[in-house]
Amino acid sequence: MKFLLLFLIKLYWFFIPKSKRRQCIFRKSCSNYIYEETSKKGLISGLKALRFRYQNCRSSYILINDPLSDEKLMLLPNQQIIEEKEIDIRLIHKN
């Protein structure tokens, strides 16, 4: 089953050009992250990664500046906070 998920991601990469894909809010694109998780840790981990990214990779995030470190942080829809190193560069430079 792990190989089915990996195959579906490869099909997605093959048939949908980068220019037509939705831009991810994370530095590592959702499909790359899920592919990597599935390859390294197996199907269950890949499905958990898919669920997490599906629920949180959308426009209802909030960018904030950490006053102590002056680092950008992102508050995701599930109320999890991620650090600047995980946020897509285009979002960091937008604000």
C-alpha atoms as a PDB file:
ATOM      1  CA  MET A   1       0.000   0.000   0.000  1.00  0.00           C
ATOM      2  CA  LYS A   2       2.936   2.320   0.684  1.00  0.00           C
ATOM      3  CA  PHE A   3       3.895   2.027  -2.964  1.00  0.00           C
ATOM      4  CA  LEU A   4       0.395   2.997  -4.078  1.00  0.00           C
ATOM      5  CA  LEU A   5       0.608   6.313  -2.221  1.00  0.00           C
ATOM      6  CA  LEU A   6       4.095   6.950  -3.619  1.00  0.00           C
ATOM      7  CA  PHE A   7       2.862   6.096  -7.108  1.00  0.00           C
ATOM      8  CA  LEU A   8      -0.102   8.492  -6.792  1.00  0.00           C
ATOM      9  CA  ILE A   9       2.229  11.311  -5.762  1.00  0.00           C
ATOM     10  CA  LYS A  10       4.477  10.574  -8.745  1.00  0.00           C
ATOM     11  CA  LEU A  11       1.426  10.660 -11.027  1.00  0.00           C
ATOM     12  CA  TYR A  12       0.479  14.027  -9.540  1.00  0.00           C
ATOM     13  CA  TRP A  13       3.980  15.354 -10.245  1.00  0.00           C
ATOM     14  CA  PHE A  14       3.894  13.972 -13.794  1.00  0.00           C
ATOM     15  CA  PHE A  15       0.446  15.175 -14.873  1.00  0.00           C
ATOM     16  CA  ILE A  16       0.173  18.511 -13.075  1.00  0.00           C
ATOM     17  CA  PRO A  17       2.917  20.987 -13.958  1.00  0.00           C
ATOM     18  CA  LYS A  18       4.470  23.032 -11.145  1.00  0.00           C
ATOM     19  CA  SER A  19       2.942  26.193 -12.545  1.00  0.00           C
ATOM     20  CA  LYS A  20      -0.577  24.746 -12.103  1.00  0.00           C
ATOM     21  CA  ARG A  21      -0.106  23.409  -8.572  1.00  0.00           C
ATOM     22  CA  ARG A  22      -1.415  25.273  -5.566  1.00  0.00           C
ATOM     23  CA  GLN A  23       1.384  27.012  -3.673  1.00  0.00           C
ATOM     24  CA  CYS A  24       2.137  25.503  -0.304  1.00  0.00           C
ATOM     25  CA  ILE A  25       2.576  27.618   2.826  1.00  0.00           C
ATOM     26  CA  PHE A  26       5.342  25.308   4.036  1.00  0.00           C
ATOM     27  CA  ARG A  27       8.933  25.508   2.829  1.00  0.00           C
ATOM     28  CA  LYS A  28       8.869  21.863   1.722  1.00  0.00           C
ATOM     29  CA  SER A  29       5.873  21.343  -0.556  1.00  0.00           C
ATOM     30  CA  CYS A  30       3.097  19.113   0.701  1.00  0.00           C
ATOM     31  CA  SER A  31       3.610  16.434  -1.939  1.00  0.00           C
ATOM     32  CA  ASN A  32       7.376  16.319  -1.312  1.00  0.00           C
ATOM     33  CA  TYR A  33       6.859  16.141   2.445  1.00  0.00           C
ATOM     34  CA  ILE A  34       4.312  13.329   2.175  1.00  0.00           C
ATOM     35  CA  TYR A  35       6.469  11.432  -0.323  1.00  0.00           C
ATOM     36  CA  GLU A  36       9.481  11.699   1.985  1.00  0.00           C
ATOM     37  CA  GLU A  37       7.538  10.655   5.087  1.00  0.00           C
ATOM     38  CA  THR A  38       6.005   7.678   3.295  1.00  0.00           C
ATOM     39  CA  SER A  39       9.355   6.579   1.840  1.00  0.00           C
ATOM     40  CA  LYS A  40      11.211   6.776   5.134  1.00  0.00           C
ATOM     41  CA  LYS A  41       8.603   5.827   7.737  1.00  0.00           C
ATOM     42  CA  GLY A  42       5.898   3.891   5.893  1.00  0.00           C
ATOM     43  CA  LEU A  43       2.283   4.178   4.866  1.00  0.00           C
ATOM     44  CA  ILE A  44       0.762   5.095   8.248  1.00  0.00           C
ATOM     45  CA  SER A  45       3.227   7.939   8.744  1.00  0.00           C
ATOM     46  CA  GLY A  46       2.606   9.103   5.172  1.00  0.00           C
ATOM     47  CA  LEU A  47      -1.155   9.120   5.696  1.00  0.00           C
ATOM     48  CA  LYS A  48      -0.737  11.088   8.942  1.00  0.00           C
ATOM     49  CA  ALA A  49       1.446  13.599   7.080  1.00  0.00           C
ATOM     50  CA  LEU A  50      -1.194  13.832   4.328  1.00  0.00           C
ATOM     51  CA  ARG A  51      -3.931  14.482   6.876  1.00  0.00           C
ATOM     52  CA  PHE A  52      -1.882  17.114   8.711  1.00  0.00           C
ATOM     53  CA  ARG A  53      -0.959  18.972   5.534  1.00  0.00           C
ATOM     54  CA  TYR A  54      -4.489  18.762   4.118  1.00  0.00           C
ATOM     55  CA  GLN A  55      -5.932  20.263   7.292  1.00  0.00           C
ATOM     56  CA  ASN A  56      -3.316  23.003   7.691  1.00  0.00           C
ATOM     57  CA  CYS A  57      -2.078  24.008   4.224  1.00  0.00           C
ATOM     58  CA  ARG A  58      -4.659  26.636   3.454  1.00  0.00           C
ATOM     59  CA  SER A  59      -5.082  30.354   3.784  1.00  0.00           C
ATOM     60  CA  SER A  60      -6.373  30.554   7.365  1.00  0.00           C
ATOM     61  CA  TYR A  61      -2.931  30.884   8.917  1.00  0.00           C
ATOM     62  CA  ILE A  62      -1.606  33.879  10.831  1.00  0.00           C
ATOM     63  CA  LEU A  63       1.960  35.188  10.537  1.00  0.00           C
ATOM     64  CA  ILE A  64       3.373  36.755  13.679  1.00  0.00           C
ATOM     65  CA  ASN A  65       6.723  38.158  14.774  1.00  0.00           C
ATOM     66  CA  ASP A  66       8.282  36.728  17.900  1.00  0.00           C
ATOM     67  CA  PRO A  67       9.222  39.861  19.897  1.00  0.00           C
ATOM     68  CA  LEU A  68      12.105  38.092  21.641  1.00  0.00           C
ATOM     69  CA  SER A  69      13.900  36.620  18.649  1.00  0.00           C
ATOM     70  CA  ASP A  70      12.417  38.790  15.873  1.00  0.00           C
ATOM     71  CA  GLU A  71      11.677  35.557  14.030  1.00  0.00           C
ATOM     72  CA  LYS A  72       8.518  34.997  11.995  1.00  0.00           C
ATOM     73  CA  LEU A  73       6.154  32.357  13.329  1.00  0.00           C
ATOM     74  CA  MET A  74       3.037  30.917  11.768  1.00  0.00           C
ATOM     75  CA  LEU A  75      -0.087  29.957  13.652  1.00  0.00           C
ATOM     76  CA  LEU A  76      -1.804  27.148  11.747  1.00  0.00           C
ATOM     77  CA  PRO A  77      -5.555  26.466  11.680  1.00  0.00           C
ATOM     78  CA  ASN A  78      -5.050  23.658  14.254  1.00  0.00           C
ATOM     79  CA  GLN A  79      -3.412  26.235  16.608  1.00  0.00           C
ATOM     80  CA  GLN A  80       0.061  24.734  16.166  1.00  0.00           C
ATOM     81  CA  ILE A  81       2.919  27.218  15.822  1.00  0.00           C
ATOM     82  CA  ILE A  82       5.691  26.573  13.312  1.00  0.00           C
ATOM     83  CA  GLU A  83       9.033  28.333  13.061  1.00  0.00           C
ATOM     84  CA  GLU A  84      10.415  30.460  10.248  1.00  0.00           C
ATOM     85  CA  LYS A  85      12.583  27.632   8.902  1.00  0.00           C
ATOM     86  CA  GLU A  86       9.412  25.699   7.991  1.00  0.00           C
ATOM     87  CA  ILE A  87       7.508  28.618   6.421  1.00  0.00           C
ATOM     88  CA  ASP A  88       7.691  29.189   2.666  1.00  0.00           C
ATOM     89  CA  ILE A  89      10.110  32.000   1.818  1.00  0.00           C
ATOM     90  CA  ARG A  90       7.575  33.898  -0.310  1.00  0.00           C
ATOM     91  CA  LEU A  91       5.360  34.334   2.777  1.00  0.00           C
ATOM     92  CA  ILE A  92       8.210  35.539   4.971  1.00  0.00           C
ATOM     93  CA  HIS A  93       9.213  38.236   2.501  1.00  0.00           C
ATOM     94  CA  LYS A  94       5.613  39.227   1.743  1.00  0.00           C
ATOM     95  CA  ASN A  95       5.142  40.896   5.126  1.00  0.00           C
END
